[in-house]
Amino acid sequence: MSLLIPVETSPQFSPREDVAAPERLIEGAPAYKTWELDTAMAEAAKWGKIRTGIWEATPGKTVSMKGETFEFCHILAGRCIISEEGGAAHEFAAGDSFIMKPGFVGTWHTVETVKKIFVIAS
């Protein structure tokens, strides 16, 4: 098993497909694709699992809640606006990166189909 894994931004295997949960849907009918590239057990204190992959979402607006999860995102394509409850809205496009920390609650508005690299610690 290699400890160096390139991140393939166009995986050659079928993704897991899903739609927004009804209780989180605000507008549109966003559909999601997830290509999970790697999962590792974290050796750090409180994180149980680290997941890395590619995620794609079609236009729509949903409630985003991180709970105990930490997520790093790097946008490969598309455009989205993320608004934190009680805070500012931020627009992200190809080339942008951001972090959603545990406890984040807000909205995720996919304006143009978004494709991102994600690293999630939970």
N, C-alpha and C. Protein backbone atom coordinates (compact mmCIF):
# COMPACT_ATOMS: atom_id res chain seq x y z
N MET A 1 0.83 -1.17 0.00
CA MET A 1 0.00 0.00 0.00
C MET A 1 0.89 1.25 0.00
N SER A 2 0.64 2.12 -0.96
CA SER A 2 1.42 3.35 -1.06
C SER A 2 0.90 4.39 -0.08
N LEU A 3 1.81 5.18 0.44
CA LEU A 3 1.43 6.27 1.33
C LEU A 3 1.40 7.61 0.59
N LEU A 4 1.62 7.56 -0.73
CA LEU A 4 1.50 8.75 -1.58
C LEU A 4 0.45 8.45 -2.63
N ILE A 5 -0.63 9.23 -2.61
CA ILE A 5 -1.75 8.97 -3.51
C ILE A 5 -2.07 10.23 -4.31
N PRO A 6 -1.85 10.20 -5.62
CA PRO A 6 -2.22 11.36 -6.44
C PRO A 6 -3.75 11.54 -6.41
N VAL A 7 -4.21 12.79 -6.44
CA VAL A 7 -5.64 13.07 -6.48
C VAL A 7 -6.05 13.15 -7.94
N GLU A 8 -6.80 12.17 -8.39
CA GLU A 8 -7.28 12.11 -9.77
C GLU A 8 -8.57 12.93 -9.86
N THR A 9 -8.54 14.03 -10.61
CA THR A 9 -9.70 14.92 -10.66
C THR A 9 -10.78 14.47 -11.65
N SER A 10 -10.47 13.46 -12.45
CA SER A 10 -11.47 12.86 -13.36
C SER A 10 -11.40 11.34 -13.20
N PRO A 11 -11.89 10.82 -12.07
CA PRO A 11 -11.80 9.38 -11.81
C PRO A 11 -12.45 8.55 -12.91
N GLN A 12 -11.90 7.38 -13.14
CA GLN A 12 -12.38 6.49 -14.19
C GLN A 12 -13.34 5.43 -13.67
N PHE A 13 -13.91 5.64 -12.50
CA PHE A 13 -14.89 4.70 -11.96
C PHE A 13 -16.19 5.46 -11.71
N SER A 14 -17.26 4.73 -11.56
CA SER A 14 -18.58 5.35 -11.38
C SER A 14 -18.71 5.99 -10.00
N PRO A 15 -19.32 7.16 -9.95
CA PRO A 15 -19.51 7.82 -8.66
C PRO A 15 -20.74 7.29 -7.94
N ARG A 16 -20.82 7.61 -6.65
CA ARG A 16 -22.06 7.42 -5.90
C ARG A 16 -22.93 8.63 -6.26
N GLU A 17 -24.19 8.40 -6.59
CA GLU A 17 -25.08 9.49 -6.98
C GLU A 17 -26.16 9.66 -5.94
N ASP A 18 -26.55 10.94 -5.72
CA ASP A 18 -27.53 11.25 -4.69
C ASP A 18 -28.23 12.56 -5.05
N VAL A 19 -29.26 12.89 -4.31
CA VAL A 19 -29.96 14.17 -4.45
C VAL A 19 -30.05 14.81 -3.07
N ALA A 20 -30.41 16.07 -3.04
CA ALA A 20 -30.52 16.77 -1.76
C ALA A 20 -31.61 16.14 -0.90
N ALA A 21 -31.33 16.02 0.37
CA ALA A 21 -32.34 15.53 1.32
C ALA A 21 -33.48 16.55 1.36
N PRO A 22 -34.73 16.10 1.32
CA PRO A 22 -35.87 17.02 1.29
C PRO A 22 -35.86 18.07 2.40
N GLU A 23 -35.43 17.69 3.59
CA GLU A 23 -35.41 18.63 4.71
C GLU A 23 -34.31 19.69 4.59
N ARG A 24 -33.39 19.51 3.66
CA ARG A 24 -32.31 20.50 3.45
C ARG A 24 -32.49 21.29 2.16
N LEU A 25 -33.43 20.90 1.32
CA LEU A 25 -33.64 21.57 0.03
C LEU A 25 -34.31 22.92 0.21
N ILE A 26 -33.72 23.97 -0.37
CA ILE A 26 -34.29 25.31 -0.34
C ILE A 26 -34.86 25.66 -1.70
N GLU A 27 -34.09 25.39 -2.78
CA GLU A 27 -34.60 25.64 -4.14
C GLU A 27 -33.86 24.78 -5.15
N GLY A 28 -34.53 24.55 -6.29
CA GLY A 28 -33.93 23.74 -7.35
C GLY A 28 -34.04 22.26 -7.06
N ALA A 29 -33.27 21.50 -7.80
CA ALA A 29 -33.23 20.04 -7.64
C ALA A 29 -31.79 19.57 -7.82
N PRO A 30 -30.90 19.99 -6.90
CA PRO A 30 -29.50 19.62 -7.07
C PRO A 30 -29.28 18.11 -6.99
N ALA A 31 -28.42 17.63 -7.89
CA ALA A 31 -28.01 16.23 -7.89
C ALA A 31 -26.52 16.20 -7.59
N TYR A 32 -26.08 15.16 -6.88
CA TYR A 32 -24.70 15.07 -6.45
C TYR A 32 -24.04 13.80 -6.98
N LYS A 33 -22.73 13.92 -7.24
CA LYS A 33 -21.90 12.76 -7.57
C LYS A 33 -20.68 12.82 -6.65
N THR A 34 -20.33 11.68 -6.08
CA THR A 34 -19.18 11.62 -5.19
C THR A 34 -18.29 10.46 -5.61
N TRP A 35 -17.03 10.76 -5.88
CA TRP A 35 -16.01 9.76 -6.16
C TRP A 35 -15.10 9.73 -4.94
N GLU A 36 -15.27 8.77 -4.06
CA GLU A 36 -14.41 8.69 -2.88
C GLU A 36 -13.10 8.05 -3.30
N LEU A 37 -12.01 8.79 -3.13
CA LEU A 37 -10.70 8.34 -3.59
C LEU A 37 -9.92 7.61 -2.52
N ASP A 38 -10.06 8.03 -1.27
CA ASP A 38 -9.28 7.40 -0.21
C ASP A 38 -9.96 7.62 1.13
N THR A 39 -9.83 6.66 2.00
CA THR A 39 -10.29 6.77 3.38
C THR A 39 -9.16 6.27 4.26
N ALA A 40 -8.89 7.01 5.32
CA ALA A 40 -7.83 6.59 6.24
C ALA A 40 -8.31 6.83 7.66
N MET A 41 -7.90 5.99 8.55
CA MET A 41 -8.21 6.21 9.96
C MET A 41 -7.21 7.25 10.47
N ALA A 42 -7.73 8.25 11.14
CA ALA A 42 -6.89 9.32 11.65
C ALA A 42 -6.19 8.88 12.92
N GLU A 43 -4.95 9.25 13.04
CA GLU A 43 -4.22 8.94 14.26
C GLU A 43 -4.22 10.12 15.21
N ALA A 44 -4.74 11.26 14.73
CA ALA A 44 -4.82 12.45 15.58
C ALA A 44 -5.91 12.26 16.63
N ALA A 45 -5.87 13.07 17.63
CA ALA A 45 -6.72 12.94 18.80
C ALA A 45 -8.18 12.61 18.54
N LYS A 46 -8.99 13.54 18.03
CA LYS A 46 -10.42 13.30 18.01
C LYS A 46 -10.99 12.85 16.67
N TRP A 47 -10.25 12.93 15.59
CA TRP A 47 -10.79 12.55 14.28
C TRP A 47 -10.76 11.03 14.14
N GLY A 48 -11.88 10.46 13.74
CA GLY A 48 -11.95 9.01 13.56
C GLY A 48 -11.61 8.59 12.14
N LYS A 49 -12.01 9.40 11.16
CA LYS A 49 -11.82 9.02 9.77
C LYS A 49 -11.53 10.25 8.92
N ILE A 50 -10.63 10.10 7.96
CA ILE A 50 -10.33 11.14 6.98
C ILE A 50 -10.74 10.60 5.62
N ARG A 51 -11.58 11.35 4.90
CA ARG A 51 -12.03 10.95 3.56
C ARG A 51 -11.60 11.99 2.55
N THR A 52 -11.15 11.53 1.40
CA THR A 52 -10.73 12.41 0.31
C THR A 52 -11.43 11.98 -0.95
N GLY A 53 -11.86 12.95 -1.77
CA GLY A 53 -12.49 12.58 -3.03
C GLY A 53 -12.86 13.78 -3.87
N ILE A 54 -13.65 13.50 -4.87
CA ILE A 54 -14.17 14.51 -5.80
C ILE A 54 -15.68 14.54 -5.63
N TRP A 55 -16.26 15.73 -5.63
CA TRP A 55 -17.70 15.90 -5.45
C TRP A 55 -18.18 16.87 -6.50
N GLU A 56 -19.35 16.60 -7.05
CA GLU A 56 -19.94 17.46 -8.06
C GLU A 56 -21.40 17.71 -7.70
N ALA A 57 -21.87 18.95 -7.92
CA ALA A 57 -23.26 19.29 -7.63
C ALA A 57 -23.81 20.16 -8.74
N THR A 58 -25.06 19.87 -9.14
CA THR A 58 -25.74 20.69 -10.13
C THR A 58 -26.43 21.85 -9.40
N PRO A 59 -26.88 22.88 -10.14
CA PRO A 59 -27.45 24.06 -9.51
C PRO A 59 -28.62 23.78 -8.56
N GLY A 60 -28.65 24.57 -7.49
CA GLY A 60 -29.69 24.50 -6.48
C GLY A 60 -29.17 25.10 -5.20
N LYS A 61 -30.03 25.16 -4.19
CA LYS A 61 -29.65 25.77 -2.91
C LYS A 61 -30.13 24.86 -1.79
N THR A 62 -29.21 24.57 -0.86
CA THR A 62 -29.52 23.68 0.25
C THR A 62 -28.97 24.24 1.56
N VAL A 63 -29.47 23.69 2.66
CA VAL A 63 -28.92 23.98 3.98
C VAL A 63 -27.67 23.13 4.12
N SER A 64 -26.60 23.73 4.61
CA SER A 64 -25.34 23.01 4.85
C SER A 64 -25.06 23.02 6.34
N MET A 65 -24.85 21.84 6.91
CA MET A 65 -24.55 21.70 8.34
C MET A 65 -23.39 20.73 8.50
N LYS A 66 -22.31 21.16 9.13
CA LYS A 66 -21.13 20.33 9.29
C LYS A 66 -21.15 19.48 10.55
N GLY A 67 -21.91 19.86 11.55
CA GLY A 67 -21.91 19.07 12.79
C GLY A 67 -20.50 19.01 13.37
N GLU A 68 -19.98 17.80 13.58
CA GLU A 68 -18.63 17.61 14.13
C GLU A 68 -17.58 17.48 13.03
N THR A 69 -17.97 17.71 11.78
CA THR A 69 -17.09 17.48 10.64
C THR A 69 -16.30 18.73 10.24
N PHE A 70 -15.03 18.53 9.90
CA PHE A 70 -14.15 19.55 9.35
C PHE A 70 -13.99 19.24 7.88
N GLU A 71 -14.14 20.24 7.00
CA GLU A 71 -14.01 19.98 5.56
C GLU A 71 -13.18 21.05 4.88
N PHE A 72 -12.17 20.60 4.12
CA PHE A 72 -11.39 21.46 3.23
C PHE A 72 -11.89 21.21 1.82
N CYS A 73 -12.11 22.28 1.04
CA CYS A 73 -12.60 22.17 -0.33
C CYS A 73 -11.71 22.98 -1.27
N HIS A 74 -11.48 22.45 -2.45
CA HIS A 74 -10.80 23.18 -3.53
C HIS A 74 -11.69 23.07 -4.76
N ILE A 75 -12.17 24.20 -5.27
CA ILE A 75 -13.08 24.22 -6.41
C ILE A 75 -12.30 24.01 -7.70
N LEU A 76 -12.70 22.99 -8.46
CA LEU A 76 -12.08 22.69 -9.75
C LEU A 76 -12.83 23.37 -10.90
N ALA A 77 -14.16 23.45 -10.78
CA ALA A 77 -14.99 24.03 -11.84
C ALA A 77 -16.28 24.54 -11.23
N GLY A 78 -16.92 25.50 -11.91
CA GLY A 78 -18.22 25.99 -11.49
C GLY A 78 -18.13 27.16 -10.52
N ARG A 79 -19.30 27.46 -9.94
CA ARG A 79 -19.40 28.61 -9.05
C ARG A 79 -20.47 28.35 -8.01
N CYS A 80 -20.17 28.72 -6.75
CA CYS A 80 -21.13 28.57 -5.66
C CYS A 80 -21.04 29.76 -4.72
N ILE A 81 -22.10 29.96 -3.97
CA ILE A 81 -22.13 30.99 -2.94
C ILE A 81 -22.48 30.30 -1.64
N ILE A 82 -21.60 30.45 -0.65
CA ILE A 82 -21.82 29.83 0.65
C ILE A 82 -22.05 30.95 1.66
N SER A 83 -23.15 30.84 2.39
CA SER A 83 -23.51 31.85 3.39
C SER A 83 -23.57 31.19 4.75
N GLU A 84 -22.85 31.77 5.70
CA GLU A 84 -22.91 31.26 7.07
C GLU A 84 -24.08 31.91 7.79
N GLU A 85 -24.82 31.12 8.53
CA GLU A 85 -25.96 31.62 9.29
C GLU A 85 -25.49 32.78 10.18
N GLY A 86 -26.13 33.94 10.00
CA GLY A 86 -25.76 35.11 10.78
C GLY A 86 -24.47 35.78 10.35
N GLY A 87 -23.91 35.34 9.20
CA GLY A 87 -22.64 35.90 8.75
C GLY A 87 -22.67 36.28 7.29
N ALA A 88 -21.51 36.47 6.74
CA ALA A 88 -21.36 36.92 5.36
C ALA A 88 -21.51 35.78 4.36
N ALA A 89 -21.82 36.16 3.12
CA ALA A 89 -21.85 35.22 1.99
C ALA A 89 -20.51 35.33 1.27
N HIS A 90 -20.01 34.20 0.79
CA HIS A 90 -18.76 34.16 0.05
C HIS A 90 -18.99 33.42 -1.26
N GLU A 91 -18.48 33.98 -2.35
CA GLU A 91 -18.58 33.32 -3.65
C GLU A 91 -17.26 32.63 -3.94
N PHE A 92 -17.36 31.39 -4.43
CA PHE A 92 -16.17 30.61 -4.77
C PHE A 92 -16.29 30.10 -6.20
N ALA A 93 -15.16 30.07 -6.91
CA ALA A 93 -15.11 29.60 -8.30
C ALA A 93 -13.83 28.79 -8.49
N ALA A 94 -13.65 28.26 -9.69
CA ALA A 94 -12.49 27.43 -10.00
C ALA A 94 -11.20 28.07 -9.51
N GLY A 95 -10.41 27.30 -8.78
CA GLY A 95 -9.14 27.77 -8.25
C GLY A 95 -9.22 28.21 -6.80
N ASP A 96 -10.43 28.43 -6.28
CA ASP A 96 -10.60 28.87 -4.90
C ASP A 96 -10.63 27.68 -3.94
N SER A 97 -10.17 27.92 -2.72
CA SER A 97 -10.19 26.91 -1.65
C SER A 97 -10.80 27.53 -0.41
N PHE A 98 -11.40 26.69 0.43
CA PHE A 98 -11.98 27.16 1.68
C PHE A 98 -12.12 26.01 2.65
N ILE A 99 -12.39 26.38 3.90
CA ILE A 99 -12.57 25.41 4.98
C ILE A 99 -13.91 25.69 5.64
N MET A 100 -14.66 24.62 5.92
CA MET A 100 -15.86 24.70 6.75
C MET A 100 -15.54 23.94 8.03
N LYS A 101 -15.56 24.66 9.13
CA LYS A 101 -15.18 24.08 10.42
C LYS A 101 -16.37 23.42 11.10
N PRO A 102 -16.09 22.54 12.08
CA PRO A 102 -17.17 21.91 12.83
C PRO A 102 -18.11 22.97 13.41
N GLY A 103 -19.40 22.69 13.33
CA GLY A 103 -20.42 23.61 13.82
C GLY A 103 -20.96 24.55 12.76
N PHE A 104 -20.35 24.57 11.55
CA PHE A 104 -20.83 25.45 10.49
C PHE A 104 -22.28 25.12 10.16
N VAL A 105 -23.12 26.17 10.06
CA VAL A 105 -24.50 26.05 9.59
C VAL A 105 -24.72 27.23 8.65
N GLY A 106 -25.26 26.95 7.48
CA GLY A 106 -25.54 28.00 6.51
C GLY A 106 -26.20 27.44 5.28
N THR A 107 -26.00 28.12 4.15
CA THR A 107 -26.56 27.64 2.89
C THR A 107 -25.45 27.46 1.86
N TRP A 108 -25.67 26.50 0.99
CA TRP A 108 -24.77 26.24 -0.14
C TRP A 108 -25.63 26.44 -1.38
N HIS A 109 -25.28 27.46 -2.18
CA HIS A 109 -26.02 27.76 -3.40
C HIS A 109 -25.10 27.49 -4.59
N THR A 110 -25.38 26.41 -5.31
CA THR A 110 -24.61 26.10 -6.52
C THR A 110 -25.22 26.90 -7.66
N VAL A 111 -24.47 27.87 -8.16
CA VAL A 111 -24.92 28.75 -9.24
C VAL A 111 -24.66 28.10 -10.58
N GLU A 112 -23.45 27.55 -10.76
CA GLU A 112 -23.06 26.77 -11.94
C GLU A 112 -22.51 25.45 -11.42
N THR A 113 -22.80 24.36 -12.11
CA THR A 113 -22.36 23.04 -11.64
C THR A 113 -20.95 23.12 -11.09
N VAL A 114 -20.80 22.68 -9.84
CA VAL A 114 -19.53 22.74 -9.12
C VAL A 114 -18.89 21.36 -9.07
N LYS A 115 -17.58 21.35 -9.25
CA LYS A 115 -16.78 20.14 -9.04
C LYS A 115 -15.66 20.55 -8.11
N LYS A 116 -15.49 19.76 -7.03
CA LYS A 116 -14.47 20.12 -6.03
C LYS A 116 -13.71 18.89 -5.55
N ILE A 117 -12.52 19.15 -5.04
CA ILE A 117 -11.77 18.17 -4.26
C ILE A 117 -12.16 18.41 -2.81
N PHE A 118 -12.43 17.35 -2.07
CA PHE A 118 -12.74 17.51 -0.65
C PHE A 118 -11.82 16.64 0.21
N VAL A 119 -11.55 17.14 1.40
CA VAL A 119 -10.89 16.37 2.45
C VAL A 119 -11.75 16.59 3.69
N ILE A 120 -12.32 15.50 4.21
CA ILE A 120 -13.23 15.58 5.34
C ILE A 120 -12.66 14.78 6.51
N ALA A 121 -12.63 15.43 7.67
CA ALA A 121 -12.24 14.75 8.91
C ALA A 121 -13.48 14.70 9.79
N SER A 122 -13.82 13.49 10.23
CA SER A 122 -15.00 13.35 11.09
C SER A 122 -14.75 12.32 12.17
